[in-house]
Amino acid sequence: MTNLADRPNSVRGDRRREQLVAAGIALLRDDGWQGVTTRAVAQRAGTNPGLIHYHFGGLAGLHTAIFRQATELILGPLVTELTQAADERAALATVRRLLPQATGDDQTTRLAAELIAGATRDPALGVVLRDELRQARGLIAGRLREAHAAWPRDRLDGVATLVVAAIDGLMLHHMIDGDLPVGAALSAVENLLAKTPS
């Protein structure tokens, strides 16, 4: 049997994989994980169900690809903007601006809830989420290293962990309570920054 990693990539094959993942994300948003079946994804993508086995090794592999892409759709823009922020205050302004967008859209909120549910029910998806969060923390720690070259590694890692956990927590709480005083929370962090030596 041919190993999936050994199959040569082609533009057409890449496009088909992207179609299948996009169809899976749409189904996940609409129907939850129970709606992301081989038949439903293939039908939504307008293709043969056998291609799911060919491209992903089966439904479990497709679920992993869907999970990874959906996590990137939710976390990617925020992490990218945070790592491009000029300083901590600019990063807080980014969070202040992007958090309502990330949690204000019902489809994004449903998708985020399904990712959390999937990660807690399926250990393989939990590993994907763990790896995506580790990558986000690594990118933020790298940006902090540029801004604070004298900080020891454990401080960089600790602050990056707090940043990602705080954003994750604020997103979750804001999804549940749209009246969450996010602005006040971020202002409190700004006040702490003003009192903290570099």
C-alpha atoms as a PDB file:
ATOM      1  CA  MET A   1       0.000   0.000   0.000  1.00  0.00           C
ATOM      2  CA  THR A   2       1.312   3.464  -0.896  1.00  0.00           C
ATOM      3  CA  ASN A   3       2.132   5.729   2.022  1.00  0.00           C
ATOM      4  CA  LEU A   4       0.219   9.028   1.797  1.00  0.00           C
ATOM      5  CA  ALA A   5       3.413  10.970   2.431  1.00  0.00           C
ATOM      6  CA  ASP A   6       5.038   9.249  -0.579  1.00  0.00           C
ATOM      7  CA  ARG A   7       2.369  10.368  -3.057  1.00  0.00           C
ATOM      8  CA  PRO A   8       3.555  13.136  -5.341  1.00  0.00           C
ATOM      9  CA  ASN A   9       1.673  16.406  -4.959  1.00  0.00           C
ATOM     10  CA  SER A  10      -0.033  17.884  -7.960  1.00  0.00           C
ATOM     11  CA  VAL A  11      -1.861  21.158  -8.386  1.00  0.00           C
ATOM     12  CA  ARG A  12      -5.050  19.248  -9.107  1.00  0.00           C
ATOM     13  CA  GLY A  13      -4.570  16.976  -6.087  1.00  0.00           C
ATOM     14  CA  ASP A  14      -3.836  19.940  -3.815  1.00  0.00           C
ATOM     15  CA  ARG A  15      -6.937  21.695  -5.090  1.00  0.00           C
ATOM     16  CA  ARG A  16      -9.059  18.581  -4.464  1.00  0.00           C
ATOM     17  CA  ARG A  17      -7.691  18.254  -0.900  1.00  0.00           C
ATOM     18  CA  GLU A  18      -8.483  21.927  -0.268  1.00  0.00           C
ATOM     19  CA  GLN A  19     -12.026  21.399  -1.612  1.00  0.00           C
ATOM     20  CA  LEU A  20     -12.604  18.441   0.663  1.00  0.00           C
ATOM     21  CA  VAL A  21     -11.269  20.276   3.721  1.00  0.00           C
ATOM     22  CA  ALA A  22     -13.358  23.377   2.909  1.00  0.00           C
ATOM     23  CA  ALA A  23     -16.458  21.192   2.536  1.00  0.00           C
ATOM     24  CA  GLY A  24     -15.665  19.547   5.861  1.00  0.00           C
ATOM     25  CA  ILE A  25     -15.253  22.897   7.612  1.00  0.00           C
ATOM     26  CA  ALA A  26     -18.599  24.094   6.231  1.00  0.00           C
ATOM     27  CA  LEU A  27     -20.289  20.907   7.475  1.00  0.00           C
ATOM     28  CA  LEU A  28     -18.571  21.197  10.849  1.00  0.00           C
ATOM     29  CA  ARG A  29     -19.875  24.747  11.188  1.00  0.00           C
ATOM     30  CA  ASP A  30     -23.408  23.756  10.170  1.00  0.00           C
ATOM     31  CA  ASP A  31     -23.861  20.296  11.695  1.00  0.00           C
ATOM     32  CA  GLY A  32     -21.014  19.625  14.122  1.00  0.00           C
ATOM     33  CA  TRP A  33     -18.653  16.652  13.959  1.00  0.00           C
ATOM     34  CA  GLN A  34     -21.528  14.202  13.551  1.00  0.00           C
ATOM     35  CA  GLY A  35     -22.285  15.858  10.192  1.00  0.00           C
ATOM     36  CA  VAL A  36     -18.733  15.453   8.889  1.00  0.00           C
ATOM     37  CA  THR A  37     -19.151  12.038   7.292  1.00  0.00           C
ATOM     38  CA  THR A  38     -17.376  10.644   4.246  1.00  0.00           C
ATOM     39  CA  ARG A  39     -20.551  10.765   2.175  1.00  0.00           C
ATOM     40  CA  ALA A  40     -21.574  14.273   3.308  1.00  0.00           C
ATOM     41  CA  VAL A  41     -18.128  15.779   2.678  1.00  0.00           C
ATOM     42  CA  ALA A  42     -17.828  14.161  -0.750  1.00  0.00           C
ATOM     43  CA  GLN A  43     -21.327  15.298  -1.691  1.00  0.00           C
ATOM     44  CA  ARG A  44     -20.682  18.860  -0.508  1.00  0.00           C
ATOM     45  CA  ALA A  45     -17.389  18.921  -2.447  1.00  0.00           C
ATOM     46  CA  GLY A  46     -19.040  17.386  -5.516  1.00  0.00           C
ATOM     47  CA  THR A  47     -16.623  14.474  -5.668  1.00  0.00           C
ATOM     48  CA  ASN A  48     -16.228  10.743  -5.138  1.00  0.00           C
ATOM     49  CA  PRO A  49     -16.108   9.507  -1.496  1.00  0.00           C
ATOM     50  CA  GLY A  50     -13.136   7.311  -2.422  1.00  0.00           C
ATOM     51  CA  LEU A  51     -10.991  10.427  -2.776  1.00  0.00           C
ATOM     52  CA  ILE A  52     -11.197  10.960   0.976  1.00  0.00           C
ATOM     53  CA  HIS A  53      -9.395   7.669   1.511  1.00  0.00           C
ATOM     54  CA  TYR A  54      -6.973   8.441  -1.310  1.00  0.00           C
ATOM     55  CA  HIS A  55      -6.020  11.919  -0.074  1.00  0.00           C
ATOM     56  CA  PHE A  56      -6.392  11.520   3.703  1.00  0.00           C
ATOM     57  CA  GLY A  57      -6.227   7.792   4.407  1.00  0.00           C
ATOM     58  CA  GLY A  58      -9.851   7.834   5.575  1.00  0.00           C
ATOM     59  CA  LEU A  59     -12.254   9.921   7.613  1.00  0.00           C
ATOM     60  CA  ALA A  60      -9.951  10.234  10.640  1.00  0.00           C
ATOM     61  CA  GLY A  61      -7.236  11.800   8.472  1.00  0.00           C
ATOM     62  CA  LEU A  62      -9.768  14.176   6.951  1.00  0.00           C
ATOM     63  CA  HIS A  63     -10.987  15.149  10.425  1.00  0.00           C
ATOM     64  CA  THR A  64      -7.404  15.987  11.376  1.00  0.00           C
ATOM     65  CA  ALA A  65      -6.936  18.128   8.255  1.00  0.00           C
ATOM     66  CA  ILE A  66     -10.254  19.894   8.884  1.00  0.00           C
ATOM     67  CA  PHE A  67      -9.336  20.511  12.509  1.00  0.00           C
ATOM     68  CA  ARG A  68      -5.920  21.914  11.621  1.00  0.00           C
ATOM     69  CA  GLN A  69      -7.314  24.250   8.929  1.00  0.00           C
ATOM     70  CA  ALA A  70     -10.223  25.432  11.100  1.00  0.00           C
ATOM     71  CA  THR A  71      -7.846  26.193  13.975  1.00  0.00           C
ATOM     72  CA  GLU A  72      -5.685  28.206  11.592  1.00  0.00           C
ATOM     73  CA  LEU A  73      -8.743  30.138  10.376  1.00  0.00           C
ATOM     74  CA  ILE A  74      -9.593  31.149  13.938  1.00  0.00           C
ATOM     75  CA  LEU A  75      -6.155  31.604  15.533  1.00  0.00           C
ATOM     76  CA  GLY A  76      -3.991  32.454  12.529  1.00  0.00           C
ATOM     77  CA  PRO A  77      -5.055  36.066  11.890  1.00  0.00           C
ATOM     78  CA  LEU A  78      -4.787  36.998  15.564  1.00  0.00           C
ATOM     79  CA  VAL A  79      -1.374  35.383  16.073  1.00  0.00           C
ATOM     80  CA  THR A  80      -0.084  36.959  12.848  1.00  0.00           C
ATOM     81  CA  GLU A  81      -1.174  40.432  13.906  1.00  0.00           C
ATOM     82  CA  LEU A  82       0.174  39.975  17.430  1.00  0.00           C
ATOM     83  CA  THR A  83       3.599  38.988  16.135  1.00  0.00           C
ATOM     84  CA  GLN A  84       3.604  42.039  13.854  1.00  0.00           C
ATOM     85  CA  ALA A  85       2.664  44.481  16.638  1.00  0.00           C
ATOM     86  CA  ALA A  86       5.304  47.099  17.380  1.00  0.00           C
ATOM     87  CA  ASP A  87       5.098  46.627  21.160  1.00  0.00           C
ATOM     88  CA  GLU A  88       2.907  45.281  23.950  1.00  0.00           C
ATOM     89  CA  ARG A  89       0.479  48.214  23.822  1.00  0.00           C
ATOM     90  CA  ALA A  90       0.018  47.747  20.085  1.00  0.00           C
ATOM     91  CA  ALA A  91      -0.566  44.023  20.727  1.00  0.00           C
ATOM     92  CA  LEU A  92      -3.271  44.874  23.270  1.00  0.00           C
ATOM     93  CA  ALA A  93      -4.878  47.229  20.762  1.00  0.00           C
ATOM     94  CA  THR A  94      -4.858  44.350  18.264  1.00  0.00           C
ATOM     95  CA  VAL A  95      -6.605  42.051  20.733  1.00  0.00           C
ATOM     96  CA  ARG A  96      -9.106  44.808  21.569  1.00  0.00           C
ATOM     97  CA  ARG A  97      -9.894  45.199  17.852  1.00  0.00           C
ATOM     98  CA  LEU A  98      -9.909  41.547  16.759  1.00  0.00           C
ATOM     99  CA  LEU A  99     -11.547  39.772  19.699  1.00  0.00           C
ATOM    100  CA  PRO A 100     -15.074  41.074  19.005  1.00  0.00           C
ATOM    101  CA  GLN A 101     -14.665  40.094  15.344  1.00  0.00           C
ATOM    102  CA  ALA A 102     -13.525  36.583  16.260  1.00  0.00           C
ATOM    103  CA  THR A 103     -16.423  36.020  18.664  1.00  0.00           C
ATOM    104  CA  GLY A 104     -19.097  38.201  17.052  1.00  0.00           C
ATOM    105  CA  ASP A 105     -19.703  35.920  14.085  1.00  0.00           C
ATOM    106  CA  ASP A 106     -22.073  33.033  14.846  1.00  0.00           C
ATOM    107  CA  GLN A 107     -20.424  30.713  12.325  1.00  0.00           C
ATOM    108  CA  THR A 108     -16.962  31.308  13.790  1.00  0.00           C
ATOM    109  CA  THR A 109     -18.342  30.817  17.293  1.00  0.00           C
ATOM    110  CA  ARG A 110     -19.951  27.505  16.326  1.00  0.00           C
ATOM    111  CA  LEU A 111     -16.751  26.390  14.631  1.00  0.00           C
ATOM    112  CA  ALA A 112     -14.675  27.255  17.713  1.00  0.00           C
ATOM    113  CA  ALA A 113     -17.104  25.364  19.967  1.00  0.00           C
ATOM    114  CA  GLU A 114     -16.878  22.285  17.722  1.00  0.00           C
ATOM    115  CA  LEU A 115     -13.085  22.418  17.788  1.00  0.00           C
ATOM    116  CA  ILE A 116     -13.082  22.431  21.574  1.00  0.00           C
ATOM    117  CA  ALA A 117     -15.638  19.611  21.693  1.00  0.00           C
ATOM    118  CA  GLY A 118     -13.684  17.585  19.130  1.00  0.00           C
ATOM    119  CA  ALA A 119     -10.400  18.043  20.970  1.00  0.00           C
ATOM    120  CA  THR A 120     -11.906  16.830  24.240  1.00  0.00           C
ATOM    121  CA  ARG A 121     -13.607  13.789  22.687  1.00  0.00           C
ATOM    122  CA  ASP A 122     -10.968  12.617  20.210  1.00  0.00           C
ATOM    123  CA  PRO A 123      -7.387  12.264  21.480  1.00  0.00           C
ATOM    124  CA  ALA A 124      -5.981  12.616  17.933  1.00  0.00           C
ATOM    125  CA  LEU A 125      -7.721  15.973  17.517  1.00  0.00           C
ATOM    126  CA  GLY A 126      -6.556  16.965  20.992  1.00  0.00           C
ATOM    127  CA  VAL A 127      -2.981  16.417  19.800  1.00  0.00           C
ATOM    128  CA  VAL A 128      -3.618  18.674  16.786  1.00  0.00           C
ATOM    129  CA  LEU A 129      -4.958  21.447  19.034  1.00  0.00           C
ATOM    130  CA  ARG A 130      -2.035  21.006  21.425  1.00  0.00           C
ATOM    131  CA  ASP A 131       0.422  21.335  18.538  1.00  0.00           C
ATOM    132  CA  GLU A 132      -1.346  24.395  17.100  1.00  0.00           C
ATOM    133  CA  LEU A 133      -1.318  26.106  20.504  1.00  0.00           C
ATOM    134  CA  ARG A 134       2.360  25.226  20.982  1.00  0.00           C
ATOM    135  CA  GLN A 135       3.103  26.759  17.596  1.00  0.00           C
ATOM    136  CA  ALA A 136       1.203  29.936  18.518  1.00  0.00           C
ATOM    137  CA  ARG A 137       3.109  30.186  21.811  1.00  0.00           C
ATOM    138  CA  GLY A 138       6.389  29.667  19.968  1.00  0.00           C
ATOM    139  CA  LEU A 139       5.646  32.448  17.491  1.00  0.00           C
ATOM    140  CA  ILE A 140       4.688  34.850  20.270  1.00  0.00           C
ATOM    141  CA  ALA A 141       7.766  33.901  22.317  1.00  0.00           C
ATOM    142  CA  GLY A 142       9.897  34.563  19.235  1.00  0.00           C
ATOM    143  CA  ARG A 143       8.393  38.028  18.849  1.00  0.00           C
ATOM    144  CA  LEU A 144       8.934  38.729  22.542  1.00  0.00           C
ATOM    145  CA  ARG A 145      12.577  37.649  22.162  1.00  0.00           C
ATOM    146  CA  GLU A 146      13.013  40.316  19.468  1.00  0.00           C
ATOM    147  CA  ALA A 147      11.546  42.980  21.755  1.00  0.00           C
ATOM    148  CA  HIS A 148      13.231  41.794  24.976  1.00  0.00           C
ATOM    149  CA  ALA A 149      16.548  40.198  24.093  1.00  0.00           C
ATOM    150  CA  ALA A 150      17.664  40.199  27.756  1.00  0.00           C
ATOM    151  CA  TRP A 151      14.716  38.114  28.956  1.00  0.00           C
ATOM    152  CA  PRO A 152      15.599  34.527  29.879  1.00  0.00           C
ATOM    153  CA  ARG A 153      13.953  31.707  27.969  1.00  0.00           C
ATOM    154  CA  ASP A 154      11.613  30.734  30.805  1.00  0.00           C
ATOM    155  CA  ARG A 155      10.254  34.286  31.024  1.00  0.00           C
ATOM    156  CA  LEU A 156       9.658  34.413  27.255  1.00  0.00           C
ATOM    157  CA  ASP A 157       7.877  31.053  27.350  1.00  0.00           C
ATOM    158  CA  GLY A 158       5.897  32.028  30.440  1.00  0.00           C
ATOM    159  CA  VAL A 159       4.655  35.316  28.996  1.00  0.00           C
ATOM    160  CA  ALA A 160       3.801  33.646  25.670  1.00  0.00           C
ATOM    161  CA  THR A 161       1.822  30.994  27.562  1.00  0.00           C
ATOM    162  CA  LEU A 162      -0.073  33.665  29.496  1.00  0.00           C
ATOM    163  CA  VAL A 163      -0.821  35.617  26.311  1.00  0.00           C
ATOM    164  CA  VAL A 164      -2.231  32.601  24.453  1.00  0.00           C
ATOM    165  CA  ALA A 165      -4.176  31.379  27.510  1.00  0.00           C
ATOM    166  CA  ALA A 166      -5.596  34.861  28.126  1.00  0.00           C
ATOM    167  CA  ILE A 167      -6.726  35.228  24.517  1.00  0.00           C
ATOM    168  CA  ASP A 168      -8.210  31.729  24.556  1.00  0.00           C
ATOM    169  CA  GLY A 169      -9.996  32.439  27.836  1.00  0.00           C
ATOM    170  CA  LEU A 170     -11.286  35.825  26.698  1.00  0.00           C
ATOM    171  CA  MET A 171     -12.591  34.302  23.462  1.00  0.00           C
ATOM    172  CA  LEU A 172     -14.352  31.513  25.332  1.00  0.00           C
ATOM    173  CA  HIS A 173     -15.868  33.832  27.931  1.00  0.00           C
ATOM    174  CA  HIS A 174     -16.895  36.369  25.277  1.00  0.00           C
ATOM    175  CA  MET A 175     -18.577  33.593  23.263  1.00  0.00           C
ATOM    176  CA  ILE A 176     -20.645  32.724  26.335  1.00  0.00           C
ATOM    177  CA  ASP A 177     -21.188  36.280  27.579  1.00  0.00           C
ATOM    178  CA  GLY A 178     -21.298  38.957  24.888  1.00  0.00           C
ATOM    179  CA  ASP A 179     -21.368  41.621  27.628  1.00  0.00           C
ATOM    180  CA  LEU A 180     -17.988  40.535  29.013  1.00  0.00           C
ATOM    181  CA  PRO A 181     -16.008  43.667  29.940  1.00  0.00           C
ATOM    182  CA  VAL A 182     -13.144  42.867  27.563  1.00  0.00           C
ATOM    183  CA  GLY A 183     -12.122  46.531  27.322  1.00  0.00           C
ATOM    184  CA  ALA A 184     -11.791  46.793  31.097  1.00  0.00           C
ATOM    185  CA  ALA A 185      -9.735  43.581  31.220  1.00  0.00           C
ATOM    186  CA  LEU A 186      -7.350  44.840  28.540  1.00  0.00           C
ATOM    187  CA  SER A 187      -7.090  48.238  30.260  1.00  0.00           C
ATOM    188  CA  ALA A 188      -6.103  46.419  33.459  1.00  0.00           C
ATOM    189  CA  VAL A 189      -3.338  44.652  31.533  1.00  0.00           C
ATOM    190  CA  GLU A 190      -2.172  48.027  30.142  1.00  0.00           C
ATOM    191  CA  ASN A 191      -1.972  49.343  33.714  1.00  0.00           C
ATOM    192  CA  LEU A 192       0.114  46.329  34.728  1.00  0.00           C
ATOM    193  CA  LEU A 193       2.430  46.893  31.763  1.00  0.00           C
ATOM    194  CA  ALA A 194       2.964  50.498  32.823  1.00  0.00           C
ATOM    195  CA  LYS A 195       4.201  49.294  36.227  1.00  0.00           C
ATOM    196  CA  THR A 196       6.331  46.387  34.974  1.00  0.00           C
ATOM    197  CA  PRO A 197      10.032  46.911  34.196  1.00  0.00           C
ATOM    198  CA  SER A 198      11.247  45.583  30.817  1.00  0.00           C
END
